[in-house]
PDB file of N, CA and C in Angstrom:
ATOM      1  N   MET A   1      57.790 137.688  53.023  1.00  0.00           N
ATOM      2  CA  MET A   1      58.305 138.605  54.024  1.00  0.00           C
ATOM      3  C   MET A   1      57.402 139.817  54.046  1.00  0.00           C
ATOM      4  N   SER A   2      57.166 140.384  55.204  1.00  0.00           N
ATOM      5  CA  SER A   2      56.291 141.545  55.356  1.00  0.00           C
ATOM      6  C   SER A   2      56.886 142.806  54.748  1.00  0.00           C
ATOM      7  N   GLY A   3      58.175 142.826  54.549  1.00  0.00           N
ATOM      8  CA  GLY A   3      58.737 143.925  53.815  1.00  0.00           C
ATOM      9  C   GLY A   3      59.728 144.728  54.620  1.00  0.00           C
ATOM     10  N   ASN A   4      60.531 145.466  53.843  1.00  0.00           N
ATOM     11  CA  ASN A   4      61.478 146.375  54.485  1.00  0.00           C
ATOM     12  C   ASN A   4      60.731 147.619  54.918  1.00  0.00           C
ATOM     13  N   PRO A   5      61.352 148.469  55.738  1.00  0.00           N
ATOM     14  CA  PRO A   5      60.656 149.651  56.231  1.00  0.00           C
ATOM     15  C   PRO A   5      60.102 150.561  55.138  1.00  0.00           C
ATOM     16  N   GLN A   6      60.770 150.658  54.000  1.00  0.00           N
ATOM     17  CA  GLN A   6      60.248 151.509  52.932  1.00  0.00           C
ATOM     18  C   GLN A   6      58.970 150.924  52.326  1.00  0.00           C
ATOM     19  N   ASP A   7      58.953 149.599  52.160  1.00  0.00           N
ATOM     20  CA  ASP A   7      57.738 148.961  51.646  1.00  0.00           C
ATOM     21  C   ASP A   7      56.569 149.149  52.622  1.00  0.00           C
ATOM     22  N   VAL A   8      56.892 148.962  53.917  1.00  0.00           N
ATOM     23  CA  VAL A   8      55.883 149.174  54.946  1.00  0.00           C
ATOM     24  C   VAL A   8      55.383 150.617  54.903  1.00  0.00           C
ATOM     25  N   ALA A   9      56.317 151.546  54.802  1.00  0.00           N
ATOM     26  CA  ALA A   9      55.960 152.971  54.757  1.00  0.00           C
ATOM     27  C   ALA A   9      55.036 153.257  53.578  1.00  0.00           C
ATOM     28  N   ASP A  10      55.362 152.755  52.433  1.00  0.00           N
ATOM     29  CA  ASP A  10      54.536 152.983  51.248  1.00  0.00           C
ATOM     30  C   ASP A  10      53.128 152.429  51.423  1.00  0.00           C
ATOM     31  N   ARG A  11      53.029 151.205  51.917  1.00  0.00           N
ATOM     32  CA  ARG A  11      51.720 150.583  52.092  1.00  0.00           C
ATOM     33  C   ARG A  11      50.885 151.266  53.154  1.00  0.00           C
ATOM     34  N   VAL A  12      51.528 151.595  54.270  1.00  0.00           N
ATOM     35  CA  VAL A  12      50.795 152.203  55.397  1.00  0.00           C
ATOM     36  C   VAL A  12      50.391 153.643  55.039  1.00  0.00           C
ATOM     37  N   LEU A  13      51.262 154.359  54.369  1.00  0.00           N
ATOM     38  CA  LEU A  13      50.904 155.729  53.945  1.00  0.00           C
ATOM     39  C   LEU A  13      49.715 155.725  53.005  1.00  0.00           C
ATOM     40  N   THR A  14      49.655 154.704  52.177  1.00  0.00           N
ATOM     41  CA  THR A  14      48.487 154.574  51.282  1.00  0.00           C
ATOM     42  C   THR A  14      47.217 154.345  52.120  1.00  0.00           C
ATOM     43  N   ALA A  15      47.309 153.471  53.114  1.00  0.00           N
ATOM     44  CA  ALA A  15      46.149 153.201  53.969  1.00  0.00           C
ATOM     45  C   ALA A  15      45.722 154.426  54.758  1.00  0.00           C
ATOM     46  N   ALA A  16      46.682 155.304  55.062  1.00  0.00           N
ATOM     47  CA  ALA A  16      46.424 156.521  55.863  1.00  0.00           C
ATOM     48  C   ALA A  16      46.209 157.740  54.955  1.00  0.00           C
ATOM     49  N   ASP A  17      45.979 157.538  53.684  1.00  0.00           N
ATOM     50  CA  ASP A  17      45.770 158.644  52.732  1.00  0.00           C
ATOM     51  C   ASP A  17      46.876 159.674  52.776  1.00  0.00           C
ATOM     52  N   GLY A  18      48.121 159.188  52.961  1.00  0.00           N
ATOM     53  CA  GLY A  18      49.287 160.066  52.920  1.00  0.00           C
ATOM     54  C   GLY A  18      49.610 160.783  54.226  1.00  0.00           C
ATOM     55  N   ASP A  19      48.828 160.562  55.259  1.00  0.00           N
ATOM     56  CA  ASP A  19      49.054 161.209  56.558  1.00  0.00           C
ATOM     57  C   ASP A  19      50.078 160.398  57.357  1.00  0.00           C
ATOM     58  N   ALA A  20      51.316 160.915  57.436  1.00  0.00           N
ATOM     59  CA  ALA A  20      52.403 160.164  58.055  1.00  0.00           C
ATOM     60  C   ALA A  20      52.157 159.908  59.547  1.00  0.00           C
ATOM     61  N   ASP A  21      51.588 160.892  60.241  1.00  0.00           N
ATOM     62  CA  ASP A  21      51.294 160.695  61.672  1.00  0.00           C
ATOM     63  C   ASP A  21      50.254 159.604  61.883  1.00  0.00           C
ATOM     64  N   LEU A  22      49.232 159.645  61.073  1.00  0.00           N
ATOM     65  CA  LEU A  22      48.174 158.627  61.154  1.00  0.00           C
ATOM     66  C   LEU A  22      48.753 157.238  60.813  1.00  0.00           C
ATOM     67  N   ALA A  23      49.615 157.190  59.809  1.00  0.00           N
ATOM     68  CA  ALA A  23      50.247 155.933  59.437  1.00  0.00           C
ATOM     69  C   ALA A  23      51.039 155.330  60.606  1.00  0.00           C
ATOM     70  N   ARG A  24      51.792 156.167  61.294  1.00  0.00           N
ATOM     71  CA  ARG A  24      52.552 155.701  62.445  1.00  0.00           C
ATOM     72  C   ARG A  24      51.620 155.185  63.536  1.00  0.00           C
ATOM     73  N   GLN A  25      50.525 155.885  63.756  1.00  0.00           N
ATOM     74  CA  GLN A  25      49.543 155.424  64.768  1.00  0.00           C
ATOM     75  C   GLN A  25      48.944 154.085  64.368  1.00  0.00           C
ATOM     76  N   PHE A  26      48.647 153.923  63.095  1.00  0.00           N
ATOM     77  CA  PHE A  26      48.121 152.647  62.606  1.00  0.00           C
ATOM     78  C   PHE A  26      49.081 151.509  62.926  1.00  0.00           C
ATOM     79  N   VAL A  27      50.340 151.725  62.604  1.00  0.00           N
ATOM     80  CA  VAL A  27      51.352 150.677  62.804  1.00  0.00           C
ATOM     81  C   VAL A  27      51.539 150.392  64.305  1.00  0.00           C
ATOM     82  N   MET A  28      51.592 151.456  65.121  1.00  0.00           N
ATOM     83  CA  MET A  28      51.729 151.254  66.561  1.00  0.00           C
ATOM     84  C   MET A  28      50.575 150.440  67.121  1.00  0.00           C
ATOM     85  N   LEU A  29      49.377 150.749  66.701  1.00  0.00           N
ATOM     86  CA  LEU A  29      48.196 150.015  67.206  1.00  0.00           C
ATOM     87  C   LEU A  29      48.243 148.574  66.700  1.00  0.00           C
ATOM     88  N   PHE A  30      48.587 148.384  65.438  1.00  0.00           N
ATOM     89  CA  PHE A  30      48.621 147.040  64.887  1.00  0.00           C
ATOM     90  C   PHE A  30      49.620 146.137  65.617  1.00  0.00           C
ATOM     91  N   ILE A  31      50.849 146.646  65.797  1.00  0.00           N
ATOM     92  CA  ILE A  31      51.847 145.788  66.449  1.00  0.00           C
ATOM     93  C   ILE A  31      51.575 145.650  67.947  1.00  0.00           C
ATOM     94  N   ALA A  32      50.875 146.606  68.538  1.00  0.00           N
ATOM     95  CA  ALA A  32      50.506 146.485  69.952  1.00  0.00           C
ATOM     96  C   ALA A  32      49.464 145.380  70.143  1.00  0.00           C
ATOM     97  N   GLU A  33      48.574 145.223  69.143  1.00  0.00           N
ATOM     98  CA  GLU A  33      47.522 144.238  69.246  1.00  0.00           C
ATOM     99  C   GLU A  33      47.956 142.828  68.822  1.00  0.00           C
ATOM    100  N   LEU A  34      49.035 142.735  68.069  1.00  0.00           N
ATOM    101  CA  LEU A  34      49.460 141.422  67.547  1.00  0.00           C
ATOM    102  C   LEU A  34      49.654 140.357  68.605  1.00  0.00           C
ATOM    103  N   PRO A  35      50.387 140.622  69.700  1.00  0.00           N
ATOM    104  CA  PRO A  35      50.605 139.541  70.677  1.00  0.00           C
ATOM    105  C   PRO A  35      49.307 138.984  71.243  1.00  0.00           C
ATOM    106  N   ALA A  36      48.358 139.825  71.571  1.00  0.00           N
ATOM    107  CA  ALA A  36      47.098 139.348  72.138  1.00  0.00           C
ATOM    108  C   ALA A  36      46.296 138.556  71.093  1.00  0.00           C
ATOM    109  N   LEU A  37      46.284 139.034  69.857  1.00  0.00           N
ATOM    110  CA  LEU A  37      45.549 138.332  68.814  1.00  0.00           C
ATOM    111  C   LEU A  37      46.157 136.950  68.539  1.00  0.00           C
ATOM    112  N   VAL A  38      47.475 136.897  68.480  1.00  0.00           N
ATOM    113  CA  VAL A  38      48.127 135.604  68.276  1.00  0.00           C
ATOM    114  C   VAL A  38      47.862 134.668  69.450  1.00  0.00           C
ATOM    115  N   GLU A  39      47.941 135.190  70.654  1.00  0.00           N
ATOM    116  CA  GLU A  39      47.671 134.348  71.835  1.00  0.00           C
ATOM    117  C   GLU A  39      46.208 133.888  71.819  1.00  0.00           C
ATOM    118  N   ASN A  40      45.270 134.751  71.435  1.00  0.00           N
ATOM    119  CA  ASN A  40      43.883 134.351  71.328  1.00  0.00           C
ATOM    120  C   ASN A  40      43.684 133.231  70.300  1.00  0.00           C
ATOM    121  N   ALA A  41      44.383 133.341  69.197  1.00  0.00           N
ATOM    122  CA  ALA A  41      44.293 132.291  68.165  1.00  0.00           C
ATOM    123  C   ALA A  41      44.863 130.978  68.693  1.00  0.00           C
ATOM    124  N   ARG A  42      45.999 131.035  69.346  1.00  0.00           N
ATOM    125  CA  ARG A  42      46.613 129.849  69.915  1.00  0.00           C
ATOM    126  C   ARG A  42      45.719 129.210  70.955  1.00  0.00           C
ATOM    127  N   HIS A  43      45.140 130.057  71.803  1.00  0.00           N
ATOM    128  CA  HIS A  43      44.257 129.582  72.869  1.00  0.00           C
ATOM    129  C   HIS A  43      42.991 128.913  72.275  1.00  0.00           C
ATOM    130  N   ALA A  44      42.396 129.604  71.306  1.00  0.00           N
ATOM    131  CA  ALA A  44      41.177 129.055  70.685  1.00  0.00           C
ATOM    132  C   ALA A  44      41.477 127.726  69.997  1.00  0.00           C
ATOM    133  N   ALA A  45      42.625 127.632  69.324  1.00  0.00           N
ATOM    134  CA  ALA A  45      43.003 126.381  68.666  1.00  0.00           C
ATOM    135  C   ALA A  45      43.181 125.270  69.696  1.00  0.00           C
ATOM    136  N   GLY A  46      43.807 125.602  70.823  1.00  0.00           N
ATOM    137  CA  GLY A  46      44.008 124.625  71.867  1.00  0.00           C
ATOM    138  C   GLY A  46      42.707 124.108  72.469  1.00  0.00           C
ATOM    139  N   LEU A  47      41.713 124.975  72.523  1.00  0.00           N
ATOM    140  CA  LEU A  47      40.409 124.593  73.041  1.00  0.00           C
ATOM    141  C   LEU A  47      39.492 123.978  71.975  1.00  0.00           C
ATOM    142  N   ARG A  48      39.995 123.958  70.749  1.00  0.00           N
ATOM    143  CA  ARG A  48      39.186 123.509  69.592  1.00  0.00           C
ATOM    144  C   ARG A  48      37.951 124.378  69.426  1.00  0.00           C
ATOM    145  N   ASP A  49      38.117 125.651  69.750  1.00  0.00           N
ATOM    146  CA  ASP A  49      37.048 126.635  69.629  1.00  0.00           C
ATOM    147  C   ASP A  49      37.112 127.207  68.213  1.00  0.00           C
ATOM    148  N   HIS A  50      36.502 126.491  67.272  1.00  0.00           N
ATOM    149  CA  HIS A  50      36.591 126.879  65.879  1.00  0.00           C
ATOM    150  C   HIS A  50      35.910 128.218  65.598  1.00  0.00           C
ATOM    151  N   ASP A  51      34.824 128.493  66.285  1.00  0.00           N
ATOM    152  CA  ASP A  51      34.141 129.793  66.088  1.00  0.00           C
ATOM    153  C   ASP A  51      35.012 130.939  66.587  1.00  0.00           C
ATOM    154  N   GLY A  52      35.608 130.776  67.765  1.00  0.00           N
ATOM    155  CA  GLY A  52      36.482 131.799  68.297  1.00  0.00           C
ATOM    156  C   GLY A  52      37.695 131.995  67.420  1.00  0.00           C
ATOM    157  N   LEU A  53      38.244 130.896  66.930  1.00  0.00           N
ATOM    158  CA  LEU A  53      39.407 130.979  66.042  1.00  0.00           C
ATOM    159  C   LEU A  53      39.071 131.692  64.744  1.00  0.00           C
ATOM    160  N   GLN A  54      37.889 131.432  64.250  1.00  0.00           N
ATOM    161  CA  GLN A  54      37.425 132.118  63.040  1.00  0.00           C
ATOM    162  C   GLN A  54      37.342 133.624  63.270  1.00  0.00           C
ATOM    163  N   ARG A  55      36.793 134.041  64.405  1.00  0.00           N
ATOM    164  CA  ARG A  55      36.637 135.461  64.718  1.00  0.00           C
ATOM    165  C   ARG A  55      37.999 136.137  64.841  1.00  0.00           C
ATOM    166  N   VAL A  56      38.928 135.511  65.550  1.00  0.00           N
ATOM    167  CA  VAL A  56      40.256 136.097  65.709  1.00  0.00           C
ATOM    168  C   VAL A  56      40.961 136.220  64.379  1.00  0.00           C
ATOM    169  N   ALA A  57      40.916 135.172  63.590  1.00  0.00           N
ATOM    170  CA  ALA A  57      41.579 135.184  62.286  1.00  0.00           C
ATOM    171  C   ALA A  57      40.949 136.230  61.378  1.00  0.00           C
ATOM    172  N   HIS A  58      39.651 136.356  61.425  1.00  0.00           N
ATOM    173  CA  HIS A  58      38.940 137.362  60.587  1.00  0.00           C
ATOM    174  C   HIS A  58      39.382 138.778  60.990  1.00  0.00           C
ATOM    175  N   SER A  59      39.428 139.046  62.248  1.00  0.00           N
ATOM    176  CA  SER A  59      39.825 140.359  62.760  1.00  0.00           C
ATOM    177  C   SER A  59      41.266 140.678  62.337  1.00  0.00           C
ATOM    178  N   LEU A  60      42.137 139.719  62.545  1.00  0.00           N
ATOM    179  CA  LEU A  60      43.544 139.912  62.185  1.00  0.00           C
ATOM    180  C   LEU A  60      43.704 140.092  60.692  1.00  0.00           C
ATOM    181  N   ARG A  61      42.955 139.337  59.920  1.00  0.00           N
ATOM    182  CA  ARG A  61      43.029 139.448  58.445  1.00  0.00           C
ATOM    183  C   ARG A  61      42.633 140.853  57.999  1.00  0.00           C
ATOM    184  N   GLY A  62      41.581 141.392  58.557  1.00  0.00           N
ATOM    185  CA  GLY A  62      41.137 142.719  58.147  1.00  0.00           C
ATOM    186  C   GLY A  62      42.145 143.801  58.492  1.00  0.00           C
ATOM    187  N   SER A  63      42.690 143.772  59.670  1.00  0.00           N
ATOM    188  CA  SER A  63      43.675 144.774  60.085  1.00  0.00           C
ATOM    189  C   SER A  63      44.935 144.669  59.236  1.00  0.00           C
ATOM    190  N   ALA A  64      45.404 143.454  59.059  1.00  0.00           N
ATOM    191  CA  ALA A  64      46.649 143.249  58.302  1.00  0.00           C
ATOM    192  C   ALA A  64      46.481 143.656  56.845  1.00  0.00           C
ATOM    193  N   ALA A  65      45.349 143.301  56.257  1.00  0.00           N
ATOM    194  CA  ALA A  65      45.151 143.645  54.836  1.00  0.00           C
ATOM    195  C   ALA A  65      45.028 145.172  54.652  1.00  0.00           C
ATOM    196  N   THR A  66      44.363 145.832  55.577  1.00  0.00           N
ATOM    197  CA  THR A  66      44.225 147.283  55.489  1.00  0.00           C
ATOM    198  C   THR A  66      45.558 147.981  55.471  1.00  0.00           C
ATOM    199  N   LEU A  67      46.519 147.450  56.261  1.00  0.00           N
ATOM    200  CA  LEU A  67      47.841 148.071  56.349  1.00  0.00           C
ATOM    201  C   LEU A  67      48.833 147.508  55.353  1.00  0.00           C
ATOM    202  N   GLY A  68      48.438 146.504  54.602  1.00  0.00           N
ATOM    203  CA  GLY A  68      49.316 145.964  53.578  1.00  0.00           C
ATOM    204  C   GLY A  68      50.222 144.850  54.058  1.00  0.00           C
ATOM    205  N   PHE A  69      49.971 144.307  55.264  1.00  0.00           N
ATOM    206  CA  PHE A  69      50.753 143.160  55.719  1.00  0.00           C
ATOM    207  C   PHE A  69      50.094 141.890  55.177  1.00  0.00           C
ATOM    208  N   MET A  70      50.293 141.681  53.884  1.00  0.00           N
ATOM    209  CA  MET A  70      49.540 140.646  53.175  1.00  0.00           C
ATOM    210  C   MET A  70      49.917 139.216  53.591  1.00  0.00           C
ATOM    211  N   GLU A  71      51.131 139.004  54.057  1.00  0.00           N
ATOM    212  CA  GLU A  71      51.502 137.660  54.506  1.00  0.00           C
ATOM    213  C   GLU A  71      50.654 137.282  55.732  1.00  0.00           C
ATOM    214  N   VAL A  72      50.428 138.255  56.619  1.00  0.00           N
ATOM    215  CA  VAL A  72      49.577 138.003  57.772  1.00  0.00           C
ATOM    216  C   VAL A  72      48.127 137.786  57.332  1.00  0.00           C
ATOM    217  N   ALA A  73      47.682 138.669  56.437  1.00  0.00           N
ATOM    218  CA  ALA A  73      46.287 138.552  55.934  1.00  0.00           C
ATOM    219  C   ALA A  73      46.071 137.197  55.265  1.00  0.00           C
ATOM    220  N   ASP A  74      47.025 136.766  54.452  1.00  0.00           N
ATOM    221  CA  ASP A  74      46.874 135.474  53.759  1.00  0.00           C
ATOM    222  C   ASP A  74      46.878 134.307  54.740  1.00  0.00           C
ATOM    223  N   ALA A  75      47.777 134.352  55.729  1.00  0.00           N
ATOM    224  CA  ALA A  75      47.827 133.277  56.736  1.00  0.00           C
ATOM    225  C   ALA A  75      46.547 133.255  57.560  1.00  0.00           C
ATOM    226  N   ALA A  76      46.031 134.431  57.902  1.00  0.00           N
ATOM    227  CA  ALA A  76      44.796 134.513  58.668  1.00  0.00           C
ATOM    228  C   ALA A  76      43.604 133.989  57.852  1.00  0.00           C
ATOM    229  N   LEU A  77      43.590 134.294  56.575  1.00  0.00           N
ATOM    230  CA  LEU A  77      42.507 133.798  55.716  1.00  0.00           C
ATOM    231  C   LEU A  77      42.514 132.273  55.651  1.00  0.00           C
ATOM    232  N   LEU A  78      43.683 131.675  55.508  1.00  0.00           N
ATOM    233  CA  LEU A  78      43.779 130.224  55.498  1.00  0.00           C
ATOM    234  C   LEU A  78      43.283 129.625  56.832  1.00  0.00           C
ATOM    235  N   LEU A  79      43.699 130.243  57.913  1.00  0.00           N
ATOM    236  CA  LEU A  79      43.285 129.757  59.221  1.00  0.00           C
ATOM    237  C   LEU A  79      41.776 129.917  59.395  1.00  0.00           C
ATOM    238  N   GLU A  80      41.233 131.048  59.013  1.00  0.00           N
ATOM    239  CA  GLU A  80      39.802 131.280  59.095  1.00  0.00           C
ATOM    240  C   GLU A  80      39.026 130.243  58.263  1.00  0.00           C
ATOM    241  N   THR A  81      39.495 129.982  57.062  1.00  0.00           N
ATOM    242  CA  THR A  81      38.849 129.043  56.170  1.00  0.00           C
ATOM    243  C   THR A  81      38.853 127.627  56.776  1.00  0.00           C
ATOM    244  N   HIS A  82      39.997 127.193  57.302  1.00  0.00           N
ATOM    245  CA  HIS A  82      40.083 125.861  57.902  1.00  0.00           C
ATOM    246  C   HIS A  82      39.244 125.763  59.179  1.00  0.00           C
ATOM    247  N   ALA A  83      39.209 126.824  59.966  1.00  0.00           N
ATOM    248  CA  ALA A  83      38.414 126.799  61.172  1.00  0.00           C
ATOM    249  C   ALA A  83      36.915 126.741  60.850  1.00  0.00           C
ATOM    250  N   ARG A  84      36.521 127.352  59.739  1.00  0.00           N
ATOM    251  CA  ARG A  84      35.121 127.358  59.344  1.00  0.00           C
ATOM    252  C   ARG A  84      34.703 126.046  58.720  1.00  0.00           C
ATOM    253  N   GLY A  85      35.551 125.499  57.860  1.00  0.00           N
ATOM    254  CA  GLY A  85      35.118 124.361  57.064  1.00  0.00           C
ATOM    255  C   GLY A  85      35.666 123.036  57.547  1.00  0.00           C
ATOM    256  N   GLU A  86      36.915 122.808  57.309  1.00  0.00           N
ATOM    257  CA  GLU A  86      37.511 121.503  57.498  1.00  0.00           C
ATOM    258  C   GLU A  86      37.579 121.074  58.958  1.00  0.00           C
ATOM    259  N   LYS A  87      37.955 121.988  59.842  1.00  0.00           N
ATOM    260  CA  LYS A  87      38.045 121.749  61.262  1.00  0.00           C
ATOM    261  C   LYS A  87      38.968 120.592  61.633  1.00  0.00           C
ATOM    262  N   ASN A  88      39.991 120.377  60.832  1.00  0.00           N
ATOM    263  CA  ASN A  88      41.003 119.364  61.092  1.00  0.00           C
ATOM    264  C   ASN A  88      42.029 119.987  62.036  1.00  0.00           C
ATOM    265  N   ASP A  89      42.100 119.493  63.261  1.00  0.00           N
ATOM    266  CA  ASP A  89      42.937 120.135  64.266  1.00  0.00           C
ATOM    267  C   ASP A  89      44.416 120.162  63.892  1.00  0.00           C
ATOM    268  N   ALA A  90      44.915 119.138  63.234  1.00  0.00           N
ATOM    269  CA  ALA A  90      46.326 119.138  62.822  1.00  0.00           C
ATOM    270  C   ALA A  90      46.589 120.227  61.795  1.00  0.00           C
ATOM    271  N   HIS A  91      45.684 120.379  60.844  1.00  0.00           N
ATOM    272  CA  HIS A  91      45.841 121.436  59.825  1.00  0.00           C
ATOM    273  C   HIS A  91      45.711 122.814  60.460  1.00  0.00           C
ATOM    274  N   ILE A  92      44.765 122.942  61.388  1.00  0.00           N
ATOM    275  CA  ILE A  92      44.573 124.221  62.058  1.00  0.00           C
ATOM    276  C   ILE A  92      45.830 124.582  62.849  1.00  0.00           C
ATOM    277  N   ALA A  93      46.424 123.620  63.552  1.00  0.00           N
ATOM    278  CA  ALA A  93      47.636 123.894  64.311  1.00  0.00           C
ATOM    279  C   ALA A  93      48.755 124.354  63.394  1.00  0.00           C
ATOM    280  N   ALA A  94      48.868 123.766  62.229  1.00  0.00           N
ATOM    281  CA  ALA A  94      49.898 124.168  61.265  1.00  0.00           C
ATOM    282  C   ALA A  94      49.622 125.594  60.772  1.00  0.00           C
ATOM    283  N   HIS A  95      48.362 125.932  60.559  1.00  0.00           N
ATOM    284  CA  HIS A  95      48.039 127.281  60.110  1.00  0.00           C
ATOM    285  C   HIS A  95      48.225 128.306  61.213  1.00  0.00           C
ATOM    286  N   VAL A  96      47.984 127.937  62.455  1.00  0.00           N
ATOM    287  CA  VAL A  96      48.264 128.840  63.572  1.00  0.00           C
ATOM    288  C   VAL A  96      49.773 129.130  63.607  1.00  0.00           C
ATOM    289  N   GLU A  97      50.576 128.114  63.400  1.00  0.00           N
ATOM    290  CA  GLU A  97      52.056 128.287  63.377  1.00  0.00           C
ATOM    291  C   GLU A  97      52.464 129.220  62.255  1.00  0.00           C
ATOM    292  N   LYS A  98      51.892 129.041  61.067  1.00  0.00           N
ATOM    293  CA  LYS A  98      52.196 129.914  59.941  1.00  0.00           C
ATOM    294  C   LYS A  98      51.783 131.354  60.253  1.00  0.00           C
ATOM    295  N   LEU A  99      50.653 131.500  60.886  1.00  0.00           N
ATOM    296  CA  LEU A  99      50.179 132.826  61.258  1.00  0.00           C
ATOM    297  C   LEU A  99      51.133 133.477  62.258  1.00  0.00           C
ATOM    298  N   MET A 100      51.590 132.716  63.228  1.00  0.00           N
ATOM    299  CA  MET A 100      52.516 133.231  64.227  1.00  0.00           C
ATOM    300  C   MET A 100      53.802 133.724  63.567  1.00  0.00           C
ATOM    301  N   LEU A 101      54.321 132.959  62.634  1.00  0.00           N
ATOM    302  CA  LEU A 101      55.546 133.374  61.915  1.00  0.00           C
ATOM    303  C   LEU A 101      55.306 134.636  61.095  1.00  0.00           C
ATOM    304  N   ALA A 102      54.179 134.710  60.402  1.00  0.00           N
ATOM    305  CA  ALA A 102      53.860 135.897  59.614  1.00  0.00           C
ATOM    306  C   ALA A 102      53.711 137.118  60.526  1.00  0.00           C
ATOM    307  N   CYS A 103      53.105 136.927  61.694  1.00  0.00           N
ATOM    308  CA  CYS A 103      52.958 138.022  62.637  1.00  0.00           C
ATOM    309  C   CYS A 103      54.302 138.468  63.214  1.00  0.00           C
ATOM    310  N   ASP A 104      55.199 137.535  63.461  1.00  0.00           N
ATOM    311  CA  ASP A 104      56.547 137.889  63.907  1.00  0.00           C
ATOM    312  C   ASP A 104      57.256 138.770  62.866  1.00  0.00           C
ATOM    313  N   ASP A 105      57.132 138.365  61.591  1.00  0.00           N
ATOM    314  CA  ASP A 105      57.728 139.159  60.513  1.00  0.00           C
ATOM    315  C   ASP A 105      57.098 140.549  60.432  1.00  0.00           C
ATOM    316  N   ALA A 106      55.789 140.602  60.554  1.00  0.00           N
ATOM    317  CA  ALA A 106      55.082 141.893  60.483  1.00  0.00           C
ATOM    318  C   ALA A 106      55.463 142.765  61.675  1.00  0.00           C
ATOM    319  N   ASN A 107      55.579 142.169  62.811  1.00  0.00           N
ATOM    320  CA  ASN A 107      55.968 142.911  64.012  1.00  0.00           C
ATOM    321  C   ASN A 107      57.374 143.523  63.810  1.00  0.00           C
ATOM    322  N   SER A 108      58.295 142.736  63.306  1.00  0.00           N
ATOM    323  CA  SER A 108      59.664 143.232  63.043  1.00  0.00           C
ATOM    324  C   SER A 108      59.653 144.345  62.019  1.00  0.00           C
ATOM    325  N   ALA A 109      58.898 144.164  60.922  1.00  0.00           N
ATOM    326  CA  ALA A 109      58.826 145.178  59.883  1.00  0.00           C
ATOM    327  C   ALA A 109      58.172 146.452  60.422  1.00  0.00           C
ATOM    328  N   GLY A 110      57.121 146.300  61.219  1.00  0.00           N
ATOM    329  CA  GLY A 110      56.455 147.463  61.783  1.00  0.00           C
ATOM    330  C   GLY A 110      57.345 148.223  62.752  1.00  0.00           C
ATOM    331  N   ARG A 111      58.073 147.507  63.582  1.00  0.00           N
ATOM    332  CA  ARG A 111      59.001 148.178  64.514  1.00  0.00           C
ATOM    333  C   ARG A 111      60.135 148.876  63.754  1.00  0.00           C
ATOM    334  N   ALA A 112      60.630 148.257  62.724  1.00  0.00           N
ATOM    335  CA  ALA A 112      61.663 148.928  61.910  1.00  0.00           C
ATOM    336  C   ALA A 112      61.115 150.204  61.274  1.00  0.00           C
ATOM    337  N   TYR A 113      59.877 150.140  60.827  1.00  0.00           N
ATOM    338  CA  TYR A 113      59.228 151.304  60.246  1.00  0.00           C
ATOM    339  C   TYR A 113      59.123 152.425  61.269  1.00  0.00           C
ATOM    340  N   LEU A 114      58.736 152.086  62.504  1.00  0.00           N
ATOM    341  CA  LEU A 114      58.559 153.072  63.554  1.00  0.00           C
ATOM    342  C   LEU A 114      59.896 153.692  64.005  1.00  0.00           C
ATOM    343  N   GLN A 115      60.974 153.016  63.779  1.00  0.00           N
ATOM    344  CA  GLN A 115      62.299 153.528  64.155  1.00  0.00           C
ATOM    345  C   GLN A 115      62.858 154.519  63.136  1.00  0.00           C
ATOM    346  N   ARG A 116      62.219 154.598  61.996  1.00  0.00           N
ATOM    347  CA  ARG A 116      62.672 155.539  60.975  1.00  0.00           C
ATOM    348  C   ARG A 116      62.348 156.956  61.408  1.00  0.00           C
ATOM    349  N   PRO A 117      63.141 157.912  60.947  1.00  0.00           N
ATOM    350  CA  PRO A 117      62.804 159.283  61.278  1.00  0.00           C
ATOM    351  C   PRO A 117      61.449 159.658  60.698  1.00  0.00           C
ATOM    352  N   ALA A 118      60.704 160.433  61.464  1.00  0.00           N
ATOM    353  CA  ALA A 118      59.360 160.837  61.031  1.00  0.00           C
ATOM    354  C   ALA A 118      59.388 161.802  59.858  1.00  0.00           C
TER     355      ALA A 118
END
């Protein structure tokens, strides 16, 4: 699970060097970008565009890891690895699904974090 709002707050504040306003901006940007990134991953997988899928997964992994959404980062790493090496479409589809679920959890946790008093 991506975490409760306090866990998210602790991780994001660390990424923002304790700047609460910057932390909120980071989370807003991250959750705003999630739907497009997930759709890009799904689209690339559907086209069997392994290079494109690798790029999307890599980008998502970096953003998620920076903010402490490790479930997303881990799922993106697995997807990136399979897109680079194995290129088994059934495995890739399963990893896209896992990534989508992790992103849904991160989105919920990020929104809960943003609803907390500043």
